[in-house]
N, C-alpha and C. Protein backbone atom coordinates (compact mmCIF):
# COMPACT_ATOMS: atom_id res chain seq x y z
N MET A 1 12.23 13.32 17.28
CA MET A 1 11.29 12.98 16.24
C MET A 1 10.12 13.94 16.22
N ILE A 2 9.59 14.33 17.32
CA ILE A 2 8.42 15.20 17.35
C ILE A 2 8.70 16.57 16.71
N PRO A 3 9.85 17.22 16.97
CA PRO A 3 10.08 18.50 16.29
C PRO A 3 10.06 18.37 14.77
N ALA A 4 10.51 17.25 14.23
CA ALA A 4 10.46 17.06 12.78
C ALA A 4 9.02 16.97 12.31
N VAL A 5 8.15 16.38 13.10
CA VAL A 5 6.74 16.28 12.74
C VAL A 5 6.06 17.64 12.86
N LEU A 6 6.44 18.42 13.87
CA LEU A 6 5.79 19.69 14.10
C LEU A 6 6.27 20.78 13.15
N PHE A 7 7.48 20.68 12.63
CA PHE A 7 8.03 21.74 11.79
C PHE A 7 7.58 21.56 10.36
N ASP A 8 7.05 22.61 9.80
CA ASP A 8 6.62 22.59 8.42
C ASP A 8 7.25 23.79 7.72
N SER A 9 8.27 23.55 6.92
CA SER A 9 9.00 24.65 6.29
C SER A 9 8.22 25.30 5.15
N GLN A 10 7.12 24.73 4.73
CA GLN A 10 6.35 25.27 3.62
C GLN A 10 5.41 26.39 4.04
N THR A 11 5.10 26.49 5.32
CA THR A 11 4.17 27.51 5.77
C THR A 11 4.91 28.59 6.53
N SER A 12 4.32 29.76 6.56
CA SER A 12 4.91 30.86 7.32
C SER A 12 3.79 31.80 7.74
N GLY A 13 4.09 32.68 8.64
CA GLY A 13 3.11 33.67 9.08
C GLY A 13 2.28 33.18 10.24
N ALA A 14 1.09 33.77 10.41
CA ALA A 14 0.25 33.50 11.57
C ALA A 14 -0.26 32.06 11.60
N ALA A 15 -0.46 31.47 10.44
CA ALA A 15 -1.02 30.12 10.39
C ALA A 15 0.06 29.05 10.35
N ALA A 16 1.31 29.42 10.59
CA ALA A 16 2.43 28.49 10.42
C ALA A 16 2.29 27.23 11.26
N GLY A 17 1.92 27.34 12.51
CA GLY A 17 1.86 26.16 13.36
C GLY A 17 0.47 25.79 13.79
N ALA A 18 -0.55 26.38 13.20
CA ALA A 18 -1.91 26.19 13.68
C ALA A 18 -2.36 24.73 13.59
N TRP A 19 -2.16 24.07 12.47
CA TRP A 19 -2.65 22.72 12.30
C TRP A 19 -1.54 21.68 12.33
N SER A 20 -0.30 22.09 12.40
CA SER A 20 0.79 21.13 12.36
C SER A 20 0.90 20.33 13.65
N TYR A 21 0.27 20.76 14.72
CA TYR A 21 0.29 20.02 15.98
C TYR A 21 -0.71 18.87 16.00
N VAL A 22 -1.69 18.89 15.11
CA VAL A 22 -2.72 17.85 15.11
C VAL A 22 -2.14 16.48 14.79
N PRO A 23 -1.31 16.31 13.74
CA PRO A 23 -0.74 14.97 13.51
C PRO A 23 0.14 14.50 14.66
N ALA A 24 0.88 15.41 15.27
CA ALA A 24 1.73 15.02 16.40
C ALA A 24 0.87 14.58 17.58
N ALA A 25 -0.21 15.26 17.83
CA ALA A 25 -1.10 14.89 18.92
C ALA A 25 -1.73 13.53 18.66
N ARG A 26 -2.14 13.29 17.42
CA ARG A 26 -2.70 11.98 17.08
C ARG A 26 -1.67 10.88 17.26
N LEU A 27 -0.44 11.16 16.84
CA LEU A 27 0.63 10.20 16.99
C LEU A 27 0.87 9.86 18.46
N LEU A 28 0.86 10.86 19.31
CA LEU A 28 1.06 10.62 20.74
C LEU A 28 -0.08 9.81 21.34
N VAL A 29 -1.31 10.10 20.94
CA VAL A 29 -2.46 9.35 21.46
C VAL A 29 -2.40 7.89 21.01
N VAL A 30 -2.09 7.67 19.73
CA VAL A 30 -2.00 6.30 19.21
C VAL A 30 -0.86 5.54 19.91
N ALA A 31 0.28 6.20 20.10
CA ALA A 31 1.41 5.56 20.78
C ALA A 31 1.05 5.21 22.22
N TYR A 32 0.34 6.08 22.89
CA TYR A 32 -0.08 5.83 24.26
C TYR A 32 -1.02 4.63 24.32
N LEU A 33 -2.00 4.59 23.43
CA LEU A 33 -2.96 3.49 23.42
C LEU A 33 -2.30 2.18 23.04
N LEU A 34 -1.41 2.21 22.06
CA LEU A 34 -0.72 1.00 21.64
C LEU A 34 0.18 0.47 22.76
N GLY A 35 0.83 1.36 23.48
CA GLY A 35 1.69 0.95 24.58
C GLY A 35 0.93 0.32 25.73
N GLY A 36 -0.36 0.57 25.80
CA GLY A 36 -1.16 0.04 26.89
C GLY A 36 -1.75 -1.34 26.62
N ILE A 37 -1.48 -1.90 25.45
CA ILE A 37 -2.03 -3.22 25.13
C ILE A 37 -1.21 -4.29 25.86
N PRO A 38 -1.82 -5.03 26.77
CA PRO A 38 -1.09 -6.07 27.52
C PRO A 38 -1.09 -7.40 26.76
N PHE A 39 -0.17 -7.54 25.81
CA PHE A 39 -0.16 -8.74 24.97
C PHE A 39 -0.03 -10.02 25.78
N GLY A 40 0.78 -10.02 26.83
CA GLY A 40 0.93 -11.21 27.65
C GLY A 40 -0.40 -11.64 28.25
N TYR A 41 -1.11 -10.69 28.82
CA TYR A 41 -2.41 -10.99 29.41
C TYR A 41 -3.39 -11.50 28.34
N LEU A 42 -3.46 -10.81 27.22
CA LEU A 42 -4.43 -11.16 26.18
C LEU A 42 -4.14 -12.54 25.57
N LEU A 43 -2.87 -12.83 25.32
CA LEU A 43 -2.54 -14.12 24.72
C LEU A 43 -2.83 -15.29 25.66
N VAL A 44 -2.48 -15.15 26.93
CA VAL A 44 -2.75 -16.24 27.88
C VAL A 44 -4.25 -16.40 28.09
N ARG A 45 -4.97 -15.30 28.18
CA ARG A 45 -6.43 -15.38 28.34
C ARG A 45 -7.06 -16.06 27.13
N TRP A 46 -6.56 -15.74 25.93
CA TRP A 46 -7.11 -16.32 24.71
C TRP A 46 -6.75 -17.80 24.61
N LYS A 47 -5.52 -18.15 24.97
CA LYS A 47 -5.06 -19.54 24.84
C LYS A 47 -5.66 -20.45 25.89
N THR A 48 -5.62 -20.04 27.16
CA THR A 48 -6.00 -20.95 28.25
C THR A 48 -7.26 -20.54 28.99
N GLY A 49 -7.66 -19.29 28.85
CA GLY A 49 -8.81 -18.80 29.61
C GLY A 49 -8.46 -18.38 31.02
N ARG A 50 -7.18 -18.47 31.38
CA ARG A 50 -6.73 -18.10 32.73
C ARG A 50 -6.15 -16.69 32.74
N ASP A 51 -6.02 -16.16 33.93
CA ASP A 51 -5.44 -14.83 34.13
C ASP A 51 -3.97 -15.00 34.48
N VAL A 52 -3.06 -14.54 33.61
CA VAL A 52 -1.62 -14.73 33.84
C VAL A 52 -1.16 -14.00 35.09
N ARG A 53 -1.89 -12.98 35.52
CA ARG A 53 -1.50 -12.25 36.74
C ARG A 53 -1.69 -13.10 37.99
N ALA A 54 -2.48 -14.15 37.89
CA ALA A 54 -2.70 -15.04 39.03
C ALA A 54 -1.77 -16.25 38.98
N LEU A 55 -0.91 -16.32 37.97
CA LEU A 55 -0.02 -17.46 37.79
C LEU A 55 1.43 -17.01 37.94
N GLY A 56 2.30 -17.92 38.32
CA GLY A 56 3.73 -17.65 38.37
C GLY A 56 4.07 -16.43 39.21
N SER A 57 4.82 -15.51 38.60
CA SER A 57 5.27 -14.31 39.31
C SER A 57 4.19 -13.24 39.41
N GLY A 58 3.11 -13.38 38.66
CA GLY A 58 2.06 -12.38 38.67
C GLY A 58 2.26 -11.27 37.67
N ASN A 59 3.35 -11.34 36.92
CA ASN A 59 3.65 -10.34 35.92
C ASN A 59 3.01 -10.74 34.59
N ILE A 60 2.71 -9.76 33.73
CA ILE A 60 2.12 -10.07 32.43
C ILE A 60 3.16 -10.12 31.33
N GLY A 61 4.43 -10.09 31.69
CA GLY A 61 5.51 -10.06 30.72
C GLY A 61 5.79 -11.41 30.09
N ALA A 62 6.70 -11.38 29.12
CA ALA A 62 7.01 -12.57 28.32
C ALA A 62 7.61 -13.70 29.16
N THR A 63 8.41 -13.38 30.17
CA THR A 63 9.02 -14.44 30.98
C THR A 63 7.97 -15.24 31.74
N ASN A 64 7.00 -14.56 32.32
CA ASN A 64 5.95 -15.26 33.04
C ASN A 64 5.05 -16.03 32.07
N VAL A 65 4.78 -15.46 30.91
CA VAL A 65 4.00 -16.18 29.91
C VAL A 65 4.75 -17.44 29.48
N LEU A 66 6.06 -17.34 29.31
CA LEU A 66 6.87 -18.50 28.94
C LEU A 66 6.79 -19.58 30.00
N ARG A 67 6.91 -19.19 31.25
CA ARG A 67 6.87 -20.17 32.36
C ARG A 67 5.50 -20.83 32.50
N THR A 68 4.44 -20.07 32.31
CA THR A 68 3.10 -20.58 32.62
C THR A 68 2.37 -21.15 31.41
N THR A 69 2.70 -20.70 30.20
CA THR A 69 1.93 -21.10 29.03
C THR A 69 2.75 -21.86 28.00
N GLY A 70 4.06 -21.62 27.97
CA GLY A 70 4.90 -22.34 27.02
C GLY A 70 5.81 -21.42 26.24
N ARG A 71 6.81 -22.04 25.63
CA ARG A 71 7.84 -21.29 24.91
C ARG A 71 7.27 -20.49 23.74
N GLY A 72 6.44 -21.09 22.95
CA GLY A 72 5.89 -20.40 21.77
C GLY A 72 5.11 -19.15 22.14
N TRP A 73 4.30 -19.25 23.17
CA TRP A 73 3.49 -18.10 23.58
C TRP A 73 4.36 -17.03 24.23
N GLY A 74 5.41 -17.45 24.93
CA GLY A 74 6.34 -16.49 25.51
C GLY A 74 7.10 -15.73 24.44
N VAL A 75 7.56 -16.45 23.41
CA VAL A 75 8.27 -15.80 22.30
C VAL A 75 7.32 -14.88 21.54
N LEU A 76 6.09 -15.30 21.34
CA LEU A 76 5.11 -14.44 20.66
C LEU A 76 4.84 -13.18 21.47
N THR A 77 4.71 -13.30 22.77
CA THR A 77 4.51 -12.14 23.64
C THR A 77 5.70 -11.19 23.54
N LEU A 78 6.89 -11.74 23.61
CA LEU A 78 8.10 -10.92 23.51
C LEU A 78 8.15 -10.21 22.16
N GLY A 79 7.85 -10.93 21.09
CA GLY A 79 7.86 -10.31 19.76
C GLY A 79 6.85 -9.19 19.62
N LEU A 80 5.65 -9.39 20.14
CA LEU A 80 4.62 -8.35 20.06
C LEU A 80 4.99 -7.14 20.92
N ASP A 81 5.56 -7.39 22.09
CA ASP A 81 6.00 -6.28 22.94
C ASP A 81 7.13 -5.49 22.28
N ILE A 82 8.07 -6.18 21.67
CA ILE A 82 9.16 -5.49 20.97
C ILE A 82 8.61 -4.70 19.79
N ALA A 83 7.68 -5.30 19.04
CA ALA A 83 7.11 -4.61 17.88
C ALA A 83 6.36 -3.35 18.29
N LYS A 84 5.58 -3.41 19.35
CA LYS A 84 4.83 -2.20 19.75
C LYS A 84 5.78 -1.14 20.28
N ASP A 85 6.82 -1.52 20.99
CA ASP A 85 7.77 -0.54 21.50
C ASP A 85 8.59 0.05 20.36
N THR A 86 8.95 -0.76 19.38
CA THR A 86 9.69 -0.25 18.23
C THR A 86 8.84 0.74 17.45
N TRP A 87 7.57 0.43 17.26
CA TRP A 87 6.69 1.35 16.53
C TRP A 87 6.52 2.65 17.30
N ARG A 88 6.35 2.56 18.61
CA ARG A 88 6.16 3.77 19.41
C ARG A 88 7.37 4.68 19.39
N CYS A 89 8.56 4.08 19.38
CA CYS A 89 9.79 4.88 19.45
C CYS A 89 10.24 5.38 18.09
N GLY A 90 9.68 4.88 17.06
CA GLY A 90 9.96 5.50 15.80
C GLY A 90 10.60 4.72 14.77
């Protein structure tokens, strides 16, 4: 995917790749930041005020959220994690 973003067939010469790396760099930064959002931690903290890392297995994933907070919150965590990973991968 990145080579398609970096390649611009409309430009040529010395300035061909000068600015075409900027959108790719922004995309990588946004993907990195989005991937770092701990939805399991945030949802449990928002719902119960507790730290999910101190409960159950200590993981912030959907399975531990399901065990400690309930099915709906576990499914929501799983859905948000899948959505962010799908967006990051393209």
